[in-house]
Amino acid sequence: MAINAQEMLDKYLEAEAAILLGKTTIFNGRTHTMAELPQIQAGRREWERRVNAQQAAARGSPGYALADFR
């Protein structure tokens, strides 16, 4: 079963919240602690970008800004 971008983002948010509360979490088979918080945050940002890109594509947005020179 493939995990979609929103599900991955949710998993990263859960892991980040657990680590911020001082808990140790297991994510993708690895145990993470507060020391790995920057890695978890980087992963979350990447999945946020993917979710936003998928949502923009679903709306028909080209994924980049268009200038209007009227």
C-alpha atoms as a PDB file:
ATOM      1  CA  MET A   1       0.000   0.000   0.000  1.00  0.00           C
ATOM      2  CA  ALA A   2       1.434   3.359  -1.022  1.00  0.00           C
ATOM      3  CA  ILE A   3       1.355   6.217   1.447  1.00  0.00           C
ATOM      4  CA  ASN A   4       0.276   9.531  -0.027  1.00  0.00           C
ATOM      5  CA  ALA A   5       1.950  12.870   0.654  1.00  0.00           C
ATOM      6  CA  GLN A   6      -0.641  14.003   3.218  1.00  0.00           C
ATOM      7  CA  GLU A   7      -0.207  10.794   5.232  1.00  0.00           C
ATOM      8  CA  MET A   8       3.585  11.234   5.231  1.00  0.00           C
ATOM      9  CA  LEU A   9       3.211  14.856   6.333  1.00  0.00           C
ATOM     10  CA  ASP A  10       0.924  13.726   9.167  1.00  0.00           C
ATOM     11  CA  LYS A  11       3.519  11.159  10.287  1.00  0.00           C
ATOM     12  CA  TYR A  12       6.270  13.807  10.311  1.00  0.00           C
ATOM     13  CA  LEU A  13       4.060  16.176  12.319  1.00  0.00           C
ATOM     14  CA  GLU A  14       3.355  13.424  14.868  1.00  0.00           C
ATOM     15  CA  ALA A  15       7.063  12.599  15.154  1.00  0.00           C
ATOM     16  CA  GLU A  16       8.005  16.267  15.531  1.00  0.00           C
ATOM     17  CA  ALA A  17       5.375  16.807  18.233  1.00  0.00           C
ATOM     18  CA  ALA A  18       6.524  13.726  20.157  1.00  0.00           C
ATOM     19  CA  ILE A  19      10.160  14.806  20.046  1.00  0.00           C
ATOM     20  CA  LEU A  20       9.280  18.342  21.150  1.00  0.00           C
ATOM     21  CA  LEU A  21       7.514  16.805  24.159  1.00  0.00           C
ATOM     22  CA  GLY A  22      10.755  15.046  25.068  1.00  0.00           C
ATOM     23  CA  LYS A  23       9.644  11.621  23.932  1.00  0.00           C
ATOM     24  CA  THR A  24      11.612   9.170  21.856  1.00  0.00           C
ATOM     25  CA  THR A  25       9.807   8.132  18.691  1.00  0.00           C
ATOM     26  CA  ILE A  26      10.314   5.395  16.104  1.00  0.00           C
ATOM     27  CA  PHE A  27       9.904   6.646  12.537  1.00  0.00           C
ATOM     28  CA  ASN A  28      10.752   4.640   9.420  1.00  0.00           C
ATOM     29  CA  GLY A  29      12.305   1.956  11.621  1.00  0.00           C
ATOM     30  CA  ARG A  30      14.719   4.347  13.369  1.00  0.00           C
ATOM     31  CA  THR A  31      14.565   5.672  16.919  1.00  0.00           C
ATOM     32  CA  HIS A  32      14.664   9.479  17.058  1.00  0.00           C
ATOM     33  CA  THR A  33      15.331  11.779  19.995  1.00  0.00           C
ATOM     34  CA  MET A  34      15.650  15.543  20.436  1.00  0.00           C
ATOM     35  CA  ALA A  35      19.047  15.472  18.692  1.00  0.00           C
ATOM     36  CA  GLU A  36      17.367  14.483  15.409  1.00  0.00           C
ATOM     37  CA  LEU A  37      14.763  17.260  15.552  1.00  0.00           C
ATOM     38  CA  PRO A  38      16.360  19.230  12.653  1.00  0.00           C
ATOM     39  CA  GLN A  39      16.174  16.123  10.433  1.00  0.00           C
ATOM     40  CA  ILE A  40      12.516  15.575  11.320  1.00  0.00           C
ATOM     41  CA  GLN A  41      11.759  19.247  10.626  1.00  0.00           C
ATOM     42  CA  ALA A  42      13.538  19.107   7.257  1.00  0.00           C
ATOM     43  CA  GLY A  43      11.513  16.039   6.314  1.00  0.00           C
ATOM     44  CA  ARG A  44       8.302  17.758   7.395  1.00  0.00           C
ATOM     45  CA  ARG A  45       9.099  20.795   5.247  1.00  0.00           C
ATOM     46  CA  GLU A  46       9.762  18.556   2.230  1.00  0.00           C
ATOM     47  CA  TRP A  47       6.420  16.770   2.644  1.00  0.00           C
ATOM     48  CA  GLU A  48       4.628  20.104   3.175  1.00  0.00           C
ATOM     49  CA  ARG A  49       6.032  21.222  -0.199  1.00  0.00           C
ATOM     50  CA  ARG A  50       4.803  18.006  -1.821  1.00  0.00           C
ATOM     51  CA  VAL A  51       1.319  18.330  -0.317  1.00  0.00           C
ATOM     52  CA  ASN A  52       1.111  21.978  -1.427  1.00  0.00           C
ATOM     53  CA  ALA A  53       2.239  21.039  -4.949  1.00  0.00           C
ATOM     54  CA  GLN A  54      -0.369  18.277  -5.172  1.00  0.00           C
ATOM     55  CA  GLN A  55      -3.097  20.627  -3.928  1.00  0.00           C
ATOM     56  CA  ALA A  56      -2.038  23.307  -6.428  1.00  0.00           C
ATOM     57  CA  ALA A  57      -2.079  20.764  -9.260  1.00  0.00           C
ATOM     58  CA  ALA A  58      -5.557  19.623  -8.227  1.00  0.00           C
ATOM     59  CA  ARG A  59      -6.751  23.256  -8.409  1.00  0.00           C
ATOM     60  CA  GLY A  60      -5.198  23.656 -11.836  1.00  0.00           C
ATOM     61  CA  SER A  61      -2.527  26.053 -10.605  1.00  0.00           C
ATOM     62  CA  PRO A  62       0.733  25.890 -12.594  1.00  0.00           C
ATOM     63  CA  GLY A  63       2.847  25.691  -9.411  1.00  0.00           C
ATOM     64  CA  TYR A  64       4.583  29.011  -9.958  1.00  0.00           C
ATOM     65  CA  ALA A  65       3.598  32.684  -9.848  1.00  0.00           C
ATOM     66  CA  LEU A  66       2.419  34.402 -12.994  1.00  0.00           C
ATOM     67  CA  ALA A  67       2.984  38.131 -13.466  1.00  0.00           C
ATOM     68  CA  ASP A  68       0.148  40.297 -14.751  1.00  0.00           C
ATOM     69  CA  PHE A  69       1.420  43.321 -16.736  1.00  0.00           C
ATOM     70  CA  ARG A  70      -1.785  45.158 -17.559  1.00  0.00           C
END
